[in-house]
Amino acid sequence: MRDLPDQLVQTTSPEHAIAAVLELCQTEGLFWLGWVVTRDEADTEHSVKPFPIHLAYIRELWRQLATNQCVAIAKSRQMLVSWVVAAFCVWWARFKPHQAVFWQTQKWQDATGMVCQAEGGFPGRCQFIERNLPPWMQLSIKEQEGALTYPNGSLIQALAGGADQVRGKVASVIVEDEFARQEEATGVWTTVAPLVQKGCKVIVVSTPNGSSNQFAVLYHGRPLDLGGL
């Protein structure tokens, strides 16, 4: 999947083949995901790996992200959930013009680790995905700590935790990462929820952290420790 399909190359010019592939990538995110690689820091011999789009749960998670306006995901370690969400943000920003994608987590350094690190640092996940696409697919993207800015006017920006950080933002997509561990989660959700009515896509992701927090309310519909009341 890293190279252009042989059938296209044999029947048309490389330029037309690239244009045809990019046109399909724009509407079919899972097709584009075939050119994306991930980084596995625990594997010292083969740290860069193709995205495992053959896994049914990866395909279903992508479908949920693409088709629903508000998604709550309870994740566990080593399931590539954060990588799927990061890839989704990259796909959204690069193929849809003038989009504002915000990734918020409690600590600024964790948010930049998902989006873009300072020059010379360990690449953030969105940054890593962009840097490791095939050369014929790469764009001229401005990288700065906490933000990727695209030629089509879209951006992906990291945010630290807190309602004030997201208040007033005109967002196309908001990712609330490790939401069960955000100190101002209730205030953040109060700020973010009205944006859904204005068309913003909201993705709430977290490992569980007890049953009486804002993430539990969103994921289960109510805190689980209320005894069914």
Protein backbone atom coordinates (compact mmCIF):
# COMPACT_ATOMS: atom_id res chain seq x y z
CA MET A 1 0.00 0.00 0.00
CA ARG A 2 3.01 2.35 0.30
CA ASP A 3 3.43 2.47 -3.49
CA LEU A 4 0.96 3.50 -6.13
CA PRO A 5 -1.26 0.61 -7.30
CA ASP A 6 0.37 -1.17 -10.26
CA GLN A 7 -2.90 -1.20 -12.19
CA LEU A 8 -3.08 2.59 -12.12
CA VAL A 9 0.57 3.08 -13.01
CA GLN A 10 0.25 0.72 -16.00
CA THR A 11 -2.84 2.40 -17.41
CA THR A 12 -2.09 6.09 -16.88
CA SER A 13 0.70 8.55 -16.14
CA PRO A 14 2.17 8.78 -12.61
CA GLU A 15 0.62 12.24 -12.23
CA HIS A 16 -2.84 10.96 -13.10
CA ALA A 17 -2.35 7.94 -10.87
CA ILE A 18 -1.45 10.15 -7.92
CA ALA A 19 -4.43 12.42 -8.58
CA ALA A 20 -6.77 9.40 -8.71
CA VAL A 21 -5.42 7.97 -5.46
CA LEU A 22 -5.64 11.31 -3.63
CA GLU A 23 -9.19 11.82 -4.85
CA LEU A 24 -10.18 8.46 -3.38
CA CYS A 25 -8.27 9.20 -0.16
CA GLN A 26 -10.30 12.36 0.29
CA THR A 27 -13.56 10.43 0.59
CA GLU A 28 -12.33 7.04 1.84
CA GLY A 29 -10.31 7.50 5.00
CA LEU A 30 -9.63 3.80 5.45
CA PHE A 31 -8.13 3.70 1.96
CA TRP A 32 -5.79 6.57 2.92
CA LEU A 33 -4.93 4.77 6.17
CA GLY A 34 -3.21 2.12 4.08
CA TRP A 35 -0.33 4.57 3.55
CA VAL A 36 -0.01 5.51 7.23
CA VAL A 37 2.58 4.03 9.58
CA THR A 38 2.71 3.96 13.37
CA ARG A 39 5.59 4.09 15.82
CA ASP A 40 6.08 1.31 18.38
CA GLU A 41 8.66 2.51 20.89
CA ALA A 42 8.64 -0.88 22.64
CA ASP A 43 9.90 -2.68 19.52
CA THR A 44 13.56 -1.76 19.14
CA GLU A 45 14.05 -3.68 15.88
CA HIS A 46 10.90 -2.74 13.97
CA SER A 47 9.55 0.43 15.55
CA VAL A 48 7.85 1.78 12.40
CA LYS A 49 4.94 -0.39 11.33
CA PRO A 50 2.12 -0.26 8.77
CA PHE A 51 -1.26 0.68 10.17
CA PRO A 52 -3.09 -2.61 10.87
CA ILE A 53 -6.19 -1.80 8.83
CA HIS A 54 -6.88 -5.52 8.46
CA LEU A 55 -8.07 -5.61 12.09
CA ALA A 56 -11.86 -5.45 12.28
CA TYR A 57 -11.95 -3.26 15.40
CA ILE A 58 -9.66 -0.67 13.77
CA ARG A 59 -11.98 -0.46 10.77
CA GLU A 60 -15.05 -0.22 12.99
CA LEU A 61 -13.49 2.49 15.17
CA TRP A 62 -12.65 4.52 12.07
CA ARG A 63 -16.21 4.08 10.80
CA GLN A 64 -17.58 5.37 14.11
CA LEU A 65 -15.29 8.40 14.00
CA ALA A 66 -16.22 9.18 10.41
CA THR A 67 -19.99 8.78 10.74
CA ASN A 68 -20.84 10.08 14.22
CA GLN A 69 -20.71 13.65 15.44
CA CYS A 70 -19.98 12.75 19.06
CA VAL A 71 -17.98 9.65 20.01
CA ALA A 72 -16.92 8.45 23.48
CA ILE A 73 -14.20 5.79 23.54
CA ALA A 74 -13.05 3.81 26.58
CA LYS A 75 -9.57 2.67 25.62
CA SER A 76 -6.96 0.32 26.99
CA ARG A 77 -3.21 0.17 26.41
CA GLN A 78 -1.69 -1.26 23.22
CA MET A 79 -4.96 -1.05 21.25
CA LEU A 80 -3.75 1.80 18.96
CA VAL A 81 -6.80 3.91 19.82
CA SER A 82 -4.76 7.10 20.16
CA TRP A 83 -3.03 6.36 16.86
CA VAL A 84 -6.39 5.88 15.12
CA VAL A 85 -7.67 9.18 16.51
CA ALA A 86 -4.44 10.97 15.57
CA ALA A 87 -4.63 9.56 12.03
CA PHE A 88 -8.27 10.62 11.80
CA CYS A 89 -7.33 14.19 12.77
CA VAL A 90 -4.58 14.24 10.14
CA TRP A 91 -6.92 12.88 7.46
CA TRP A 92 -9.59 15.43 8.38
CA ALA A 93 -7.19 18.39 8.31
CA ARG A 94 -5.32 17.52 5.12
CA PHE A 95 -8.36 16.65 3.01
CA LYS A 96 -10.88 19.24 4.29
CA PRO A 97 -9.98 22.93 3.87
CA HIS A 98 -10.20 25.55 6.61
CA GLN A 99 -10.77 23.11 9.47
CA ALA A 100 -9.74 23.74 13.08
CA VAL A 101 -8.87 20.53 14.93
CA PHE A 102 -8.05 20.82 18.63
CA TRP A 103 -6.49 18.09 20.78
CA GLN A 104 -6.90 18.74 24.50
CA THR A 105 -5.46 16.78 27.39
CA GLN A 106 -4.59 17.71 30.96
CA LYS A 107 -0.90 18.52 30.41
CA TRP A 108 0.46 20.66 27.59
CA GLN A 109 3.39 18.31 27.00
CA ASP A 110 1.01 15.39 26.56
CA ALA A 111 -1.04 17.35 24.04
CA THR A 112 2.05 18.36 22.04
CA GLY A 113 3.15 14.72 22.17
CA MET A 114 0.01 13.88 20.26
CA VAL A 115 0.15 16.79 17.80
CA CYS A 116 3.62 18.30 17.22
CA GLN A 117 6.76 18.65 19.31
CA ALA A 118 9.28 21.47 19.14
CA GLU A 119 11.98 21.26 16.48
CA GLY A 120 14.59 18.70 17.43
CA GLY A 121 12.24 16.86 19.78
CA PHE A 122 10.54 13.49 19.51
CA PRO A 123 7.84 13.95 16.83
CA GLY A 124 4.25 14.16 18.01
CA ARG A 125 1.96 11.51 16.60
CA CYS A 126 0.20 13.68 14.04
CA GLN A 127 3.59 15.11 13.09
CA PHE A 128 5.07 11.59 12.77
CA ILE A 129 2.20 10.45 10.55
CA GLU A 130 2.69 13.38 8.18
CA ARG A 131 6.47 13.00 8.05
CA ASN A 132 6.24 9.31 7.18
CA LEU A 133 3.71 9.39 4.38
CA PRO A 134 5.08 8.47 0.94
CA PRO A 135 6.94 11.38 -0.70
CA TRP A 136 4.32 11.74 -3.44
CA MET A 137 1.64 12.28 -0.77
CA GLN A 138 3.47 14.78 1.45
CA LEU A 139 2.40 18.41 1.76
CA SER A 140 4.21 21.60 2.69
CA ILE A 141 3.09 21.74 6.31
CA LYS A 142 4.22 24.32 8.86
CA GLU A 143 5.36 22.64 12.07
CA GLN A 144 5.62 24.45 15.37
CA GLU A 145 5.35 23.24 18.93
CA GLY A 146 1.74 22.27 19.52
CA ALA A 147 0.47 22.94 15.99
CA LEU A 148 0.45 21.72 12.41
CA THR A 149 -0.75 24.22 9.79
CA TYR A 150 -1.79 22.95 6.35
CA PRO A 151 -1.63 24.64 2.93
CA ASN A 152 -5.43 24.36 2.65
CA GLY A 153 -5.92 26.60 5.70
CA SER A 154 -6.60 23.79 8.19
CA LEU A 155 -4.73 23.28 11.46
CA ILE A 156 -4.31 20.78 14.25
CA GLN A 157 -3.56 22.45 17.57
CA ALA A 158 -2.70 21.11 21.03
CA LEU A 159 -4.43 22.49 24.11
CA ALA A 160 -3.66 22.08 27.80
CA GLY A 161 -6.47 21.12 30.16
CA GLY A 162 -9.06 23.59 31.39
CA ALA A 163 -12.31 25.12 30.20
CA ASP A 164 -10.60 28.46 29.51
CA GLN A 165 -8.27 26.77 27.01
CA VAL A 166 -11.13 25.67 24.78
CA ARG A 167 -13.65 28.44 25.48
CA GLY A 168 -14.15 30.72 22.49
CA LYS A 169 -12.54 28.32 20.03
CA VAL A 170 -14.32 27.91 16.69
CA ALA A 171 -13.71 24.21 16.20
CA SER A 172 -14.39 21.68 13.47
CA VAL A 173 -13.12 18.73 15.53
CA ILE A 174 -12.24 18.57 19.23
CA VAL A 175 -10.46 15.61 20.80
CA GLU A 176 -10.73 15.38 24.58
CA ASP A 177 -7.96 12.95 25.48
CA GLU A 178 -7.69 11.10 28.82
CA PHE A 179 -10.88 12.91 29.75
CA ALA A 180 -11.42 10.93 32.96
CA ARG A 181 -8.17 12.47 34.23
CA GLN A 182 -8.78 16.06 33.22
CA GLU A 183 -9.20 18.16 36.37
CA GLU A 184 -11.78 20.49 34.84
CA ALA A 185 -13.61 17.86 32.81
CA THR A 186 -17.09 18.99 33.81
CA GLY A 187 -16.34 22.61 32.93
CA VAL A 188 -14.69 21.56 29.69
CA TRP A 189 -17.73 19.53 28.68
CA THR A 190 -20.06 22.42 29.55
CA THR A 191 -18.01 24.53 27.15
CA VAL A 192 -17.68 21.90 24.42
CA ALA A 193 -21.21 20.46 24.37
CA PRO A 194 -22.87 23.48 22.70
CA LEU A 195 -20.36 23.22 19.84
CA VAL A 196 -21.90 19.88 18.85
CA GLN A 197 -25.12 21.69 18.00
CA LYS A 198 -23.11 23.96 15.72
CA GLY A 199 -21.69 21.03 13.77
CA CYS A 200 -18.43 20.38 15.62
CA LYS A 201 -17.30 16.75 15.83
CA VAL A 202 -16.32 15.83 19.40
CA ILE A 203 -14.20 12.77 20.19
CA VAL A 204 -13.87 11.92 23.89
CA VAL A 205 -11.21 9.32 24.72
CA SER A 206 -9.97 7.96 28.02
CA THR A 207 -8.77 5.02 29.98
CA PRO A 208 -11.29 4.48 32.81
CA ASN A 209 -10.64 6.27 36.10
CA GLY A 210 -13.42 5.32 38.47
CA SER A 211 -17.14 5.54 37.80
CA SER A 212 -18.10 9.00 39.03
CA ASN A 213 -16.54 11.50 36.66
CA GLN A 214 -17.58 13.36 33.53
CA PHE A 215 -16.17 10.69 31.23
CA ALA A 216 -18.20 7.98 33.00
CA VAL A 217 -21.32 10.11 32.61
CA LEU A 218 -20.71 10.47 28.87
CA TYR A 219 -19.71 6.88 28.24
CA HIS A 220 -22.35 5.16 30.40
CA GLY A 221 -25.02 7.85 30.49
CA ARG A 222 -24.75 8.19 34.27
CA PRO A 223 -22.17 7.63 37.05
CA LEU A 224 -22.06 3.91 37.77
CA ASP A 225 -21.80 4.31 41.55
CA LEU A 226 -25.29 5.78 41.97
CA GLY A 227 -26.79 2.32 42.47
CA GLY A 228 -29.22 2.70 39.60
CA LEU A 229 -30.87 5.81 41.03
